[in-house]
Amino acid sequence: MVVSVVLAYLAGSIPTAVWWGKRFHGVDIREHGSMNAGATNTFRVLGVRAGVPVLLIDMLKGFVPVRVLPAFSGLEPGTDEWIALRLVLALCTVLGHLYPVFAGFRGGKGIATSFGGVVALHPGVALICFIVFGLVLWTARFVSLASLIAALCFPLAVIFVYREDSILLQYFSVALCLLVFYTHRQNIGRLRRGEENRLTLASRNDDQR
């Protein structure tokens, strides 16, 4: 199980936005836009053609370890130990994205990777969060606000919509929600001051500096 935890962290540590920006555009995404090594900043700085693959890979970083690694643990699916392992793996992928060993521990804010993990853990809850995220983004055009409200919906959907009886999943949903709010603490401040930037996309994909 220790090996699985390490692998999950290493998978989360893959700095997709950083590597993609350097390989295909010759830029370090952390030096442009919001200075964040995530999909949103990639969309803003490098455009859709860079943002989409970065977003998808970041989601897979959260999905694949949670879905695949427990099969090699020897634990019986559905047991508390098996559920706990999946939750720990999901958390490790997010922590890897936030603090990637391959990029000097300067990562993104973990939304796409968190979503990938939630899809693996509970597709129904993930769908609710995705719909809420999309509606807020469509109406307000603030990715940060959409992320925060979707994160808040995660424990609410787990506890009140699906009425999950797994106390471990309930605790995890609350913890992940709080982690998202922590990583977005600066965004919250800008939202309160009316200084947060709305979503915009780069008009060119090759020379955004």
N, C-alpha and C. Protein backbone atom coordinates (compact mmCIF):
# COMPACT_ATOMS: atom_id res chain seq x y z
N MET A 1 0.82 -1.21 0.00
CA MET A 1 0.00 0.00 0.00
C MET A 1 0.86 1.26 0.00
N VAL A 2 2.02 1.17 0.64
CA VAL A 2 2.93 2.32 0.64
C VAL A 2 3.37 2.65 -0.78
N VAL A 3 3.63 1.61 -1.57
CA VAL A 3 4.02 1.82 -2.96
C VAL A 3 2.91 2.53 -3.72
N SER A 4 1.67 2.12 -3.48
CA SER A 4 0.53 2.74 -4.15
C SER A 4 0.43 4.22 -3.80
N VAL A 5 0.64 4.54 -2.54
CA VAL A 5 0.57 5.93 -2.09
C VAL A 5 1.65 6.76 -2.78
N VAL A 6 2.87 6.21 -2.84
CA VAL A 6 3.97 6.93 -3.49
C VAL A 6 3.68 7.12 -4.97
N LEU A 7 3.17 6.08 -5.63
CA LEU A 7 2.85 6.18 -7.05
C LEU A 7 1.77 7.22 -7.30
N ALA A 8 0.78 7.27 -6.41
CA ALA A 8 -0.30 8.25 -6.56
C ALA A 8 0.25 9.67 -6.44
N TYR A 9 1.13 9.88 -5.48
CA TYR A 9 1.74 11.20 -5.33
C TYR A 9 2.57 11.56 -6.55
N LEU A 10 3.35 10.61 -7.06
CA LEU A 10 4.19 10.88 -8.22
C LEU A 10 3.34 11.17 -9.46
N ALA A 11 2.22 10.46 -9.59
CA ALA A 11 1.32 10.73 -10.72
C ALA A 11 0.76 12.14 -10.61
N GLY A 12 0.35 12.52 -9.41
CA GLY A 12 -0.15 13.87 -9.21
C GLY A 12 0.91 14.92 -9.42
N SER A 13 2.17 14.54 -9.22
CA SER A 13 3.28 15.49 -9.34
C SER A 13 3.65 15.81 -10.77
N ILE A 14 3.11 15.08 -11.72
CA ILE A 14 3.42 15.39 -13.12
C ILE A 14 2.95 16.81 -13.43
N PRO A 15 3.86 17.75 -13.67
CA PRO A 15 3.47 19.15 -13.86
C PRO A 15 3.05 19.41 -15.31
N THR A 16 1.86 18.96 -15.63
CA THR A 16 1.40 18.99 -17.02
C THR A 16 1.53 20.36 -17.66
N ALA A 17 1.01 21.38 -16.97
CA ALA A 17 1.03 22.73 -17.53
C ALA A 17 2.46 23.23 -17.75
N VAL A 18 3.33 22.94 -16.79
CA VAL A 18 4.72 23.39 -16.89
C VAL A 18 5.42 22.71 -18.05
N TRP A 19 5.32 21.39 -18.10
CA TRP A 19 6.00 20.65 -19.16
C TRP A 19 5.43 20.98 -20.53
N TRP A 20 4.11 21.09 -20.63
CA TRP A 20 3.48 21.39 -21.92
C TRP A 20 3.92 22.77 -22.41
N GLY A 21 3.88 23.74 -21.50
CA GLY A 21 4.28 25.09 -21.87
C GLY A 21 5.72 25.17 -22.35
N LYS A 22 6.61 24.48 -21.65
CA LYS A 22 8.02 24.52 -22.02
C LYS A 22 8.28 23.75 -23.32
N ARG A 23 7.63 22.59 -23.45
CA ARG A 23 7.90 21.73 -24.61
C ARG A 23 7.34 22.32 -25.90
N PHE A 24 6.12 22.82 -25.87
CA PHE A 24 5.45 23.23 -27.10
C PHE A 24 5.40 24.74 -27.32
N HIS A 25 5.66 25.52 -26.26
CA HIS A 25 5.55 26.97 -26.40
C HIS A 25 6.78 27.72 -25.90
N GLY A 26 7.71 27.01 -25.30
CA GLY A 26 8.93 27.64 -24.84
C GLY A 26 8.75 28.61 -23.69
N VAL A 27 7.72 28.40 -22.86
CA VAL A 27 7.47 29.29 -21.73
C VAL A 27 7.24 28.46 -20.47
N ASP A 28 7.56 29.06 -19.34
CA ASP A 28 7.21 28.49 -18.04
C ASP A 28 5.91 29.16 -17.62
N ILE A 29 4.84 28.39 -17.61
CA ILE A 29 3.51 28.94 -17.34
C ILE A 29 3.46 29.65 -15.99
N ARG A 30 4.37 29.29 -15.08
CA ARG A 30 4.38 29.89 -13.74
C ARG A 30 4.94 31.30 -13.75
N GLU A 31 5.42 31.75 -14.90
CA GLU A 31 5.95 33.11 -15.01
C GLU A 31 5.03 34.03 -15.80
N HIS A 32 3.82 33.56 -16.09
CA HIS A 32 2.89 34.34 -16.91
C HIS A 32 1.48 34.24 -16.34
N GLY A 33 0.64 35.20 -16.72
CA GLY A 33 -0.74 35.18 -16.27
C GLY A 33 -0.85 35.25 -14.77
N SER A 34 -1.55 34.28 -14.20
CA SER A 34 -1.74 34.23 -12.75
C SER A 34 -0.57 33.58 -12.04
N MET A 35 0.43 33.14 -12.79
CA MET A 35 1.61 32.46 -12.26
C MET A 35 1.28 31.07 -11.70
N ASN A 36 0.11 30.55 -12.04
CA ASN A 36 -0.33 29.26 -11.51
C ASN A 36 -0.11 28.16 -12.53
N ALA A 37 0.41 27.03 -12.07
CA ALA A 37 0.71 25.90 -12.96
C ALA A 37 -0.49 24.98 -13.09
N GLY A 38 -1.57 25.53 -13.62
CA GLY A 38 -2.78 24.76 -13.77
C GLY A 38 -3.44 24.97 -15.11
N ALA A 39 -4.55 24.27 -15.32
CA ALA A 39 -5.23 24.32 -16.61
C ALA A 39 -5.81 25.69 -16.90
N THR A 40 -6.38 26.36 -15.89
CA THR A 40 -7.00 27.66 -16.12
C THR A 40 -5.99 28.67 -16.65
N ASN A 41 -4.83 28.73 -16.02
CA ASN A 41 -3.81 29.67 -16.48
C ASN A 41 -3.28 29.27 -17.85
N THR A 42 -3.26 27.98 -18.13
CA THR A 42 -2.84 27.53 -19.46
C THR A 42 -3.82 28.01 -20.52
N PHE A 43 -5.11 27.90 -20.24
CA PHE A 43 -6.11 28.43 -21.17
C PHE A 43 -5.90 29.92 -21.40
N ARG A 44 -5.68 30.65 -20.31
CA ARG A 44 -5.54 32.10 -20.41
C ARG A 44 -4.29 32.51 -21.21
N VAL A 45 -3.19 31.85 -20.93
CA VAL A 45 -1.91 32.28 -21.50
C VAL A 45 -1.64 31.64 -22.86
N LEU A 46 -1.92 30.35 -22.99
CA LEU A 46 -1.53 29.62 -24.20
C LEU A 46 -2.70 29.25 -25.10
N GLY A 47 -3.93 29.42 -24.62
CA GLY A 47 -5.09 29.16 -25.46
C GLY A 47 -5.67 27.77 -25.32
N VAL A 48 -6.72 27.54 -26.10
CA VAL A 48 -7.50 26.30 -26.00
C VAL A 48 -6.68 25.08 -26.41
N ARG A 49 -5.89 25.21 -27.44
CA ARG A 49 -5.15 24.05 -27.94
C ARG A 49 -4.14 23.53 -26.93
N ALA A 50 -3.70 24.36 -26.03
CA ALA A 50 -2.83 23.92 -24.94
C ALA A 50 -3.65 23.59 -23.70
N GLY A 51 -4.71 24.36 -23.46
CA GLY A 51 -5.49 24.19 -22.25
C GLY A 51 -6.23 22.88 -22.18
N VAL A 52 -6.80 22.44 -23.30
CA VAL A 52 -7.59 21.20 -23.30
C VAL A 52 -6.75 19.98 -22.93
N PRO A 53 -5.62 19.72 -23.58
CA PRO A 53 -4.83 18.55 -23.18
C PRO A 53 -4.30 18.64 -21.76
N VAL A 54 -3.92 19.84 -21.32
CA VAL A 54 -3.46 19.99 -19.93
C VAL A 54 -4.59 19.65 -18.97
N LEU A 55 -5.79 20.13 -19.26
CA LEU A 55 -6.94 19.85 -18.41
C LEU A 55 -7.23 18.35 -18.35
N LEU A 56 -7.24 17.69 -19.50
CA LEU A 56 -7.55 16.27 -19.54
C LEU A 56 -6.50 15.43 -18.82
N ILE A 57 -5.24 15.76 -19.03
CA ILE A 57 -4.17 15.01 -18.36
C ILE A 57 -4.23 15.22 -16.85
N ASP A 58 -4.50 16.45 -16.43
CA ASP A 58 -4.61 16.72 -14.99
C ASP A 58 -5.76 15.92 -14.37
N MET A 59 -6.86 15.78 -15.09
CA MET A 59 -7.97 14.97 -14.58
C MET A 59 -7.58 13.50 -14.50
N LEU A 60 -6.88 13.02 -15.51
CA LEU A 60 -6.44 11.63 -15.51
C LEU A 60 -5.48 11.35 -14.37
N LYS A 61 -4.69 12.34 -13.98
CA LYS A 61 -3.78 12.19 -12.85
C LYS A 61 -4.53 11.83 -11.58
N GLY A 62 -5.75 12.35 -11.44
CA GLY A 62 -6.56 12.03 -10.28
C GLY A 62 -7.36 10.76 -10.44
N PHE A 63 -7.77 10.48 -11.68
CA PHE A 63 -8.66 9.34 -11.93
C PHE A 63 -7.93 8.01 -11.93
N VAL A 64 -6.85 7.91 -12.68
CA VAL A 64 -6.20 6.62 -12.92
C VAL A 64 -5.67 5.97 -11.64
N PRO A 65 -4.91 6.68 -10.78
CA PRO A 65 -4.42 6.02 -9.57
C PRO A 65 -5.53 5.49 -8.67
N VAL A 66 -6.60 6.25 -8.53
CA VAL A 66 -7.71 5.83 -7.66
C VAL A 66 -8.43 4.63 -8.25
N ARG A 67 -8.52 4.59 -9.56
CA ARG A 67 -9.23 3.50 -10.22
C ARG A 67 -8.39 2.24 -10.37
N VAL A 68 -7.09 2.39 -10.58
CA VAL A 68 -6.25 1.25 -10.94
C VAL A 68 -5.48 0.66 -9.76
N LEU A 69 -4.84 1.50 -8.96
CA LEU A 69 -3.91 1.01 -7.94
C LEU A 69 -4.56 0.12 -6.87
N PRO A 70 -5.81 0.38 -6.43
CA PRO A 70 -6.39 -0.51 -5.42
C PRO A 70 -6.50 -1.96 -5.86
N ALA A 71 -6.54 -2.21 -7.16
CA ALA A 71 -6.64 -3.58 -7.65
C ALA A 71 -5.40 -4.40 -7.31
N PHE A 72 -4.30 -3.74 -7.03
CA PHE A 72 -3.05 -4.44 -6.70
C PHE A 72 -2.77 -4.45 -5.20
N SER A 73 -3.73 -4.00 -4.41
CA SER A 73 -3.51 -3.89 -2.96
C SER A 73 -3.80 -5.17 -2.21
N GLY A 74 -4.56 -6.07 -2.82
CA GLY A 74 -4.95 -7.28 -2.13
C GLY A 74 -6.13 -7.10 -1.20
N LEU A 75 -6.68 -5.90 -1.14
CA LEU A 75 -7.83 -5.62 -0.28
C LEU A 75 -9.13 -5.98 -0.98
N GLU A 76 -10.11 -6.38 -0.19
CA GLU A 76 -11.42 -6.74 -0.73
C GLU A 76 -12.19 -5.48 -1.07
N PRO A 77 -12.64 -5.34 -2.33
CA PRO A 77 -13.42 -4.15 -2.71
C PRO A 77 -14.66 -3.98 -1.84
N GLY A 78 -14.91 -2.75 -1.44
CA GLY A 78 -16.08 -2.44 -0.63
C GLY A 78 -15.82 -2.42 0.86
N THR A 79 -14.68 -2.96 1.29
CA THR A 79 -14.36 -2.93 2.72
C THR A 79 -13.89 -1.54 3.12
N ASP A 80 -13.91 -1.28 4.42
CA ASP A 80 -13.47 0.02 4.91
C ASP A 80 -12.02 0.29 4.54
N GLU A 81 -11.20 -0.76 4.58
CA GLU A 81 -9.78 -0.59 4.24
C GLU A 81 -9.61 -0.22 2.78
N TRP A 82 -10.39 -0.85 1.92
CA TRP A 82 -10.32 -0.57 0.48
C TRP A 82 -10.79 0.85 0.18
N ILE A 83 -11.88 1.25 0.83
CA ILE A 83 -12.39 2.62 0.66
C ILE A 83 -11.36 3.62 1.16
N ALA A 84 -10.78 3.34 2.33
CA ALA A 84 -9.78 4.25 2.89
C ALA A 84 -8.59 4.40 1.96
N LEU A 85 -8.14 3.30 1.36
CA LEU A 85 -7.01 3.36 0.44
C LEU A 85 -7.33 4.26 -0.75
N ARG A 86 -8.51 4.09 -1.31
CA ARG A 86 -8.90 4.91 -2.47
C ARG A 86 -8.93 6.40 -2.10
N LEU A 87 -9.43 6.70 -0.93
CA LEU A 87 -9.49 8.10 -0.49
C LEU A 87 -8.09 8.67 -0.28
N VAL A 88 -7.22 7.86 0.31
CA VAL A 88 -5.83 8.31 0.52
C VAL A 88 -5.14 8.54 -0.82
N LEU A 89 -5.38 7.64 -1.77
CA LEU A 89 -4.77 7.80 -3.09
C LEU A 89 -5.27 9.07 -3.77
N ALA A 90 -6.57 9.33 -3.65
CA ALA A 90 -7.13 10.55 -4.24
C ALA A 90 -6.48 11.79 -3.63
N LEU A 91 -6.33 11.77 -2.32
CA LEU A 91 -5.70 12.91 -1.64
C LEU A 91 -4.25 13.07 -2.06
N CYS A 92 -3.54 11.96 -2.22
CA CYS A 92 -2.13 12.02 -2.61
C CYS A 92 -1.95 12.59 -4.01
N THR A 93 -2.86 12.26 -4.92
CA THR A 93 -2.75 12.83 -6.26
C THR A 93 -2.94 14.34 -6.23
N VAL A 94 -3.87 14.80 -5.40
CA VAL A 94 -4.10 16.24 -5.29
C VAL A 94 -2.89 16.93 -4.66
N LEU A 95 -2.37 16.33 -3.59
CA LEU A 95 -1.18 16.91 -2.95
C LEU A 95 0.01 16.93 -3.90
N GLY A 96 0.10 15.89 -4.73
CA GLY A 96 1.16 15.87 -5.73
C GLY A 96 1.02 17.01 -6.72
N HIS A 97 -0.22 17.30 -7.11
CA HIS A 97 -0.44 18.41 -8.04
C HIS A 97 -0.13 19.75 -7.37
N LEU A 98 -0.49 19.88 -6.11
CA LEU A 98 -0.23 21.13 -5.39
C LEU A 98 1.26 21.33 -5.14
N TYR A 99 1.94 20.24 -4.78
CA TYR A 99 3.35 20.31 -4.42
C TYR A 99 4.14 19.26 -5.21
N PRO A 100 4.32 19.49 -6.51
CA PRO A 100 4.94 18.48 -7.38
C PRO A 100 6.45 18.38 -7.19
N VAL A 101 6.92 17.19 -6.93
CA VAL A 101 8.35 16.97 -6.74
C VAL A 101 9.12 17.24 -8.03
N PHE A 102 8.45 17.11 -9.17
CA PHE A 102 9.11 17.31 -10.46
C PHE A 102 9.16 18.77 -10.90
N ALA A 103 8.60 19.67 -10.10
CA ALA A 103 8.57 21.08 -10.50
C ALA A 103 8.84 21.99 -9.31
N GLY A 104 9.76 21.57 -8.46
CA GLY A 104 10.15 22.42 -7.34
C GLY A 104 9.04 22.68 -6.34
N PHE A 105 8.07 21.76 -6.27
CA PHE A 105 6.96 21.85 -5.33
C PHE A 105 6.10 23.11 -5.55
N ARG A 106 6.11 23.61 -6.78
CA ARG A 106 5.26 24.75 -7.16
C ARG A 106 4.25 24.26 -8.18
N GLY A 107 3.06 23.94 -7.71
CA GLY A 107 2.06 23.37 -8.59
C GLY A 107 0.84 24.24 -8.77
N GLY A 108 -0.25 23.60 -9.17
CA GLY A 108 -1.51 24.30 -9.39
C GLY A 108 -2.39 24.28 -8.17
N LYS A 109 -3.68 24.45 -8.39
CA LYS A 109 -4.63 24.52 -7.28
C LYS A 109 -5.47 23.25 -7.12
N GLY A 110 -5.28 22.30 -8.02
CA GLY A 110 -5.81 20.96 -7.80
C GLY A 110 -7.24 20.70 -8.21
N ILE A 111 -7.89 21.60 -8.92
CA ILE A 111 -9.29 21.40 -9.24
C ILE A 111 -9.49 20.24 -10.22
N ALA A 112 -8.76 20.25 -11.33
CA ALA A 112 -8.93 19.20 -12.33
C ALA A 112 -8.54 17.83 -11.77
N THR A 113 -7.45 17.78 -11.02
CA THR A 113 -7.00 16.52 -10.43
C THR A 113 -7.99 16.04 -9.38
N SER A 114 -8.51 16.95 -8.58
CA SER A 114 -9.54 16.60 -7.60
C SER A 114 -10.77 16.03 -8.29
N PHE A 115 -11.17 16.68 -9.38
CA PHE A 115 -12.36 16.21 -10.10
C PHE A 115 -12.13 14.81 -10.65
N GLY A 116 -10.95 14.54 -11.19
CA GLY A 116 -10.66 13.21 -11.68
C GLY A 116 -10.77 12.16 -10.59
N GLY A 117 -10.28 12.50 -9.40
CA GLY A 117 -10.39 11.58 -8.28
C GLY A 117 -11.83 11.35 -7.86
N VAL A 118 -12.63 12.41 -7.86
CA VAL A 118 -14.03 12.29 -7.47
C VAL A 118 -14.80 11.45 -8.50
N VAL A 119 -14.46 11.59 -9.78
CA VAL A 119 -15.09 10.75 -10.80
C VAL A 119 -14.83 9.28 -10.51
N ALA A 120 -13.61 8.96 -10.12
CA ALA A 120 -13.27 7.57 -9.80
C ALA A 120 -13.97 7.09 -8.54
N LEU A 121 -14.12 7.98 -7.57
CA LEU A 121 -14.73 7.61 -6.29
C LEU A 121 -16.24 7.51 -6.37
N HIS A 122 -16.88 8.48 -7.02
CA HIS A 122 -18.34 8.55 -7.03
C HIS A 122 -18.78 9.35 -8.26
N PRO A 123 -19.02 8.68 -9.39
CA PRO A 123 -19.39 9.39 -10.62
C PRO A 123 -20.64 10.25 -10.49
N GLY A 124 -21.61 9.79 -9.71
CA GLY A 124 -22.84 10.57 -9.54
C GLY A 124 -22.59 11.91 -8.88
N VAL A 125 -21.80 11.90 -7.83
CA VAL A 125 -21.45 13.15 -7.15
C VAL A 125 -20.62 14.03 -8.07
N ALA A 126 -19.70 13.41 -8.81
CA ALA A 126 -18.87 14.17 -9.75
C ALA A 126 -19.73 14.88 -10.79
N LEU A 127 -20.78 14.21 -11.26
CA LEU A 127 -21.67 14.82 -12.25
C LEU A 127 -22.37 16.05 -11.68
N ILE A 128 -22.83 15.96 -10.44
CA ILE A 128 -23.46 17.11 -9.80
C ILE A 128 -22.48 18.27 -9.71
N CYS A 129 -21.28 17.99 -9.25
CA CYS A 129 -20.26 19.04 -9.12
C CYS A 129 -19.92 19.65 -10.48
N PHE A 130 -19.86 18.82 -11.50
CA PHE A 130 -19.55 19.31 -12.85
C PHE A 130 -20.64 20.23 -13.37
N ILE A 131 -21.89 19.84 -13.16
CA ILE A 131 -23.01 20.67 -13.62
C ILE A 131 -23.01 22.01 -12.90
N VAL A 132 -22.80 21.97 -11.59
CA VAL A 132 -22.76 23.21 -10.81
C VAL A 132 -21.61 24.09 -11.28
N PHE A 133 -20.45 23.50 -11.46
CA PHE A 133 -19.29 24.25 -11.96
C PHE A 133 -19.60 24.92 -13.29
N GLY A 134 -20.18 24.15 -14.20
CA GLY A 134 -20.48 24.68 -15.52
C GLY A 134 -21.48 25.82 -15.48
N LEU A 135 -22.51 25.69 -14.66
CA LEU A 135 -23.53 26.73 -14.56
C LEU A 135 -22.95 28.02 -14.00
N VAL A 136 -22.15 27.89 -12.94
CA VAL A 136 -21.56 29.09 -12.33
C VAL A 136 -20.58 29.75 -13.29
N LEU A 137 -19.76 28.94 -13.96
CA LEU A 137 -18.80 29.49 -14.91
C LEU A 137 -19.51 30.18 -16.07
N TRP A 138 -20.59 29.57 -16.54
CA TRP A 138 -21.33 30.13 -17.67
C TRP A 138 -21.95 31.48 -17.31
N THR A 139 -22.45 31.60 -16.09
CA THR A 139 -23.15 32.83 -15.71
C THR A 139 -22.21 33.90 -15.16
N ALA A 140 -21.21 33.49 -14.39
CA ALA A 140 -20.35 34.48 -13.71
C ALA A 140 -19.01 34.68 -14.41
N ARG A 141 -18.54 33.67 -15.14
CA ARG A 141 -17.25 33.73 -15.85
C ARG A 141 -16.05 33.79 -14.91
N PHE A 142 -16.25 33.38 -13.67
CA PHE A 142 -15.15 33.29 -12.72
C PHE A 142 -14.83 31.82 -12.48
N VAL A 143 -13.67 31.35 -12.92
CA VAL A 143 -13.30 29.96 -12.69
C VAL A 143 -13.15 29.68 -11.20
N SER A 144 -12.58 30.63 -10.48
CA SER A 144 -12.37 30.43 -9.04
C SER A 144 -13.69 30.29 -8.31
N LEU A 145 -14.66 31.13 -8.62
CA LEU A 145 -15.97 31.05 -7.97
C LEU A 145 -16.66 29.74 -8.31
N ALA A 146 -16.58 29.34 -9.57
CA ALA A 146 -17.17 28.07 -9.98
C ALA A 146 -16.52 26.90 -9.25
N SER A 147 -15.20 26.96 -9.09
CA SER A 147 -14.48 25.90 -8.39
C SER A 147 -14.88 25.83 -6.92
N LEU A 148 -15.01 26.98 -6.29
CA LEU A 148 -15.36 27.03 -4.87
C LEU A 148 -16.76 26.49 -4.63
N ILE A 149 -17.71 26.90 -5.46
CA ILE A 149 -19.09 26.44 -5.27
C ILE A 149 -19.20 24.96 -5.58
N ALA A 150 -18.50 24.49 -6.61
CA ALA A 150 -18.51 23.06 -6.92
C ALA A 150 -17.89 22.26 -5.78
N ALA A 151 -16.81 22.78 -5.19
CA ALA A 151 -16.18 22.11 -4.05
C ALA A 151 -17.13 22.05 -2.87
N LEU A 152 -17.89 23.10 -2.65
CA LEU A 152 -18.86 23.12 -1.57
C LEU A 152 -19.97 22.11 -1.82
N CYS A 153 -20.31 21.89 -3.08
CA CYS A 153 -21.35 20.92 -3.42
C CYS A 153 -20.90 19.48 -3.19
N PHE A 154 -19.59 19.24 -3.18
CA PHE A 154 -19.09 17.87 -3.02
C PHE A 154 -19.57 17.24 -1.72
N PRO A 155 -19.27 17.80 -0.54
CA PRO A 155 -19.78 17.18 0.68
C PRO A 155 -21.30 17.23 0.79
N LEU A 156 -21.92 18.27 0.27
CA LEU A 156 -23.38 18.36 0.32
C LEU A 156 -24.02 17.24 -0.48
N ALA A 157 -23.46 16.95 -1.66
CA ALA A 157 -24.00 15.87 -2.48
C ALA A 157 -23.75 14.51 -1.85
N VAL A 158 -22.57 14.34 -1.26
CA VAL A 158 -22.24 13.06 -0.62
C VAL A 158 -23.17 12.79 0.56
N ILE A 159 -23.39 13.81 1.38
CA ILE A 159 -24.11 13.62 2.64
C ILE A 159 -25.62 13.71 2.47
N PHE A 160 -26.08 14.67 1.67
CA PHE A 160 -27.52 14.95 1.63
C PHE A 160 -28.22 14.45 0.37
N VAL A 161 -27.53 14.37 -0.76
CA VAL A 161 -28.18 13.91 -1.98
C VAL A 161 -28.10 12.39 -2.09
N TYR A 162 -26.90 11.85 -2.00
CA TYR A 162 -26.74 10.40 -2.10
C TYR A 162 -26.80 9.71 -0.74
N ARG A 163 -26.74 10.49 0.32
CA ARG A 163 -26.84 9.94 1.69
C ARG A 163 -25.89 8.76 1.89
N GLU A 164 -24.64 8.97 1.50
CA GLU A 164 -23.63 7.93 1.65
C GLU A 164 -23.40 7.63 3.13
N ASP A 165 -23.39 6.34 3.47
CA ASP A 165 -23.21 5.95 4.87
C ASP A 165 -21.75 5.75 5.24
N SER A 166 -20.85 5.90 4.26
CA SER A 166 -19.42 5.78 4.56
C SER A 166 -18.93 7.05 5.24
N ILE A 167 -18.63 6.93 6.53
CA ILE A 167 -18.15 8.10 7.27
C ILE A 167 -16.81 8.56 6.72
N LEU A 168 -16.03 7.63 6.18
CA LEU A 168 -14.74 7.99 5.59
C LEU A 168 -14.93 8.90 4.38
N LEU A 169 -15.88 8.55 3.53
CA LEU A 169 -16.15 9.38 2.35
C LEU A 169 -16.69 10.74 2.76
N GLN A 170 -17.51 10.77 3.79
CA GLN A 170 -18.04 12.04 4.27
C GLN A 170 -16.91 12.95 4.77
N TYR A 171 -16.03 12.39 5.58
CA TYR A 171 -14.90 13.17 6.09
C TYR A 171 -14.00 13.64 4.95
N PHE A 172 -13.77 12.74 3.99
CA PHE A 172 -12.92 13.10 2.86
C PHE A 172 -13.52 14.24 2.06
N SER A 173 -14.82 14.18 1.83
CA SER A 173 -15.47 15.23 1.04
C SER A 173 -15.35 16.58 1.71
N VAL A 174 -15.48 16.61 3.02
CA VAL A 174 -15.33 17.87 3.76
C VAL A 174 -13.88 18.34 3.70
N ALA A 175 -12.94 17.40 3.89
CA ALA A 175 -11.52 17.76 3.87
C ALA A 175 -11.10 18.31 2.52
N LEU A 176 -11.56 17.67 1.44
CA LEU A 176 -11.19 18.14 0.10
C LEU A 176 -11.79 19.51 -0.18
N CYS A 177 -13.02 19.72 0.28
CA CYS A 177 -13.66 21.03 0.13
C CYS A 177 -12.84 22.11 0.83
N LEU A 178 -12.43 21.83 2.05
CA LEU A 178 -11.62 22.80 2.80
C LEU A 178 -10.28 23.05 2.12
N LEU A 179 -9.70 22.00 1.55
CA LEU A 179 -8.42 22.15 0.86
C LEU A 179 -8.57 23.06 -0.36
N VAL A 180 -9.66 22.91 -1.09
CA VAL A 180 -9.91 23.78 -2.24
C VAL A 180 -10.05 25.23 -1.80
N PHE A 181 -10.78 25.45 -0.71
CA PHE A 181 -10.92 26.82 -0.21
C PHE A 181 -9.57 27.38 0.22
N TYR A 182 -8.72 26.52 0.79
CA TYR A 182 -7.39 26.97 1.21
C TYR A 182 -6.54 27.36 0.00
N THR A 183 -6.55 26.54 -1.04
CA THR A 183 -5.72 26.84 -2.21
C THR A 183 -6.25 28.05 -2.98
N HIS A 184 -7.52 28.40 -2.74
CA HIS A 184 -8.12 29.55 -3.42
C HIS A 184 -8.27 30.76 -2.49
N ARG A 185 -7.51 30.77 -1.40
CA ARG A 185 -7.68 31.86 -0.44
C ARG A 185 -7.39 33.23 -1.05
N GLN A 186 -6.40 33.32 -1.92
CA GLN A 186 -6.11 34.59 -2.58
C GLN A 186 -7.21 34.98 -3.55
N ASN A 187 -7.76 33.97 -4.24
CA ASN A 187 -8.88 34.25 -5.15
C ASN A 187 -10.09 34.76 -4.39
N ILE A 188 -10.32 34.19 -3.21
CA ILE A 188 -11.45 34.63 -2.39
C ILE A 188 -11.29 36.10 -2.03
N GLY A 189 -10.07 36.48 -1.67
CA GLY A 189 -9.81 37.88 -1.36
C GLY A 189 -10.07 38.78 -2.54
N ARG A 190 -9.63 38.36 -3.73
CA ARG A 190 -9.86 39.18 -4.93
C ARG A 190 -11.33 39.24 -5.29
N LEU A 191 -12.05 38.14 -5.09
CA LEU A 191 -13.49 38.16 -5.36
C LEU A 191 -14.19 39.14 -4.44
N ARG A 192 -13.81 39.16 -3.19
CA ARG A 192 -14.43 40.08 -2.22
C ARG A 192 -14.13 41.53 -2.55
N ARG A 193 -12.94 41.78 -3.11
CA ARG A 193 -12.57 43.15 -3.46
C ARG A 193 -13.00 43.54 -4.87
N GLY A 194 -13.58 42.60 -5.59
CA GLY A 194 -13.99 42.87 -6.97
C GLY A 194 -12.83 42.95 -7.93
N GLU A 195 -11.72 42.27 -7.61
CA GLU A 195 -10.51 42.35 -8.43
C GLU A 195 -10.21 41.06 -9.19
N GLU A 196 -11.04 40.05 -9.04
CA GLU A 196 -10.77 38.77 -9.70
C GLU A 196 -11.01 38.88 -11.20
N ASN A 197 -10.13 38.27 -11.98
CA ASN A 197 -10.25 38.29 -13.43
C ASN A 197 -11.26 37.25 -13.90
N ARG A 198 -12.09 37.66 -14.85
CA ARG A 198 -13.01 36.71 -15.47
C ARG A 198 -12.25 35.86 -16.49
N LEU A 199 -12.84 34.74 -16.85
CA LEU A 199 -12.18 33.81 -17.76
C LEU A 199 -12.03 34.43 -19.14
N THR A 200 -10.81 34.46 -19.62
CA THR A 200 -10.51 34.86 -20.99
C THR A 200 -9.52 33.86 -21.56
N LEU A 201 -9.51 33.72 -22.87
CA LEU A 201 -8.62 32.78 -23.53
C LEU A 201 -7.61 33.52 -24.38
N ALA A 202 -6.41 32.97 -24.45
CA ALA A 202 -5.39 33.58 -25.31
C ALA A 202 -5.84 33.50 -26.75
N SER A 203 -5.59 34.56 -27.50
CA SER A 203 -6.00 34.59 -28.90
C SER A 203 -5.01 33.89 -29.80
N ARG A 204 -3.79 33.73 -29.32
CA ARG A 204 -2.76 33.03 -30.09
C ARG A 204 -2.13 31.96 -29.21
N ASN A 205 -1.73 30.88 -29.83
CA ASN A 205 -1.24 29.74 -29.07
C ASN A 205 0.28 29.62 -29.06
N ASP A 206 0.98 30.41 -29.86
CA ASP A 206 2.41 30.18 -30.03
C ASP A 206 3.28 31.21 -29.36
N ASP A 207 2.76 32.43 -29.17
CA ASP A 207 3.67 33.48 -28.73
C ASP A 207 3.15 34.26 -27.55
N GLN A 208 2.29 33.66 -26.76
CA GLN A 208 1.82 34.37 -25.58
C GLN A 208 2.92 34.35 -24.53
N ARG A 209 3.42 35.50 -24.17
CA ARG A 209 4.49 35.59 -23.18
C ARG A 209 4.02 36.40 -21.98
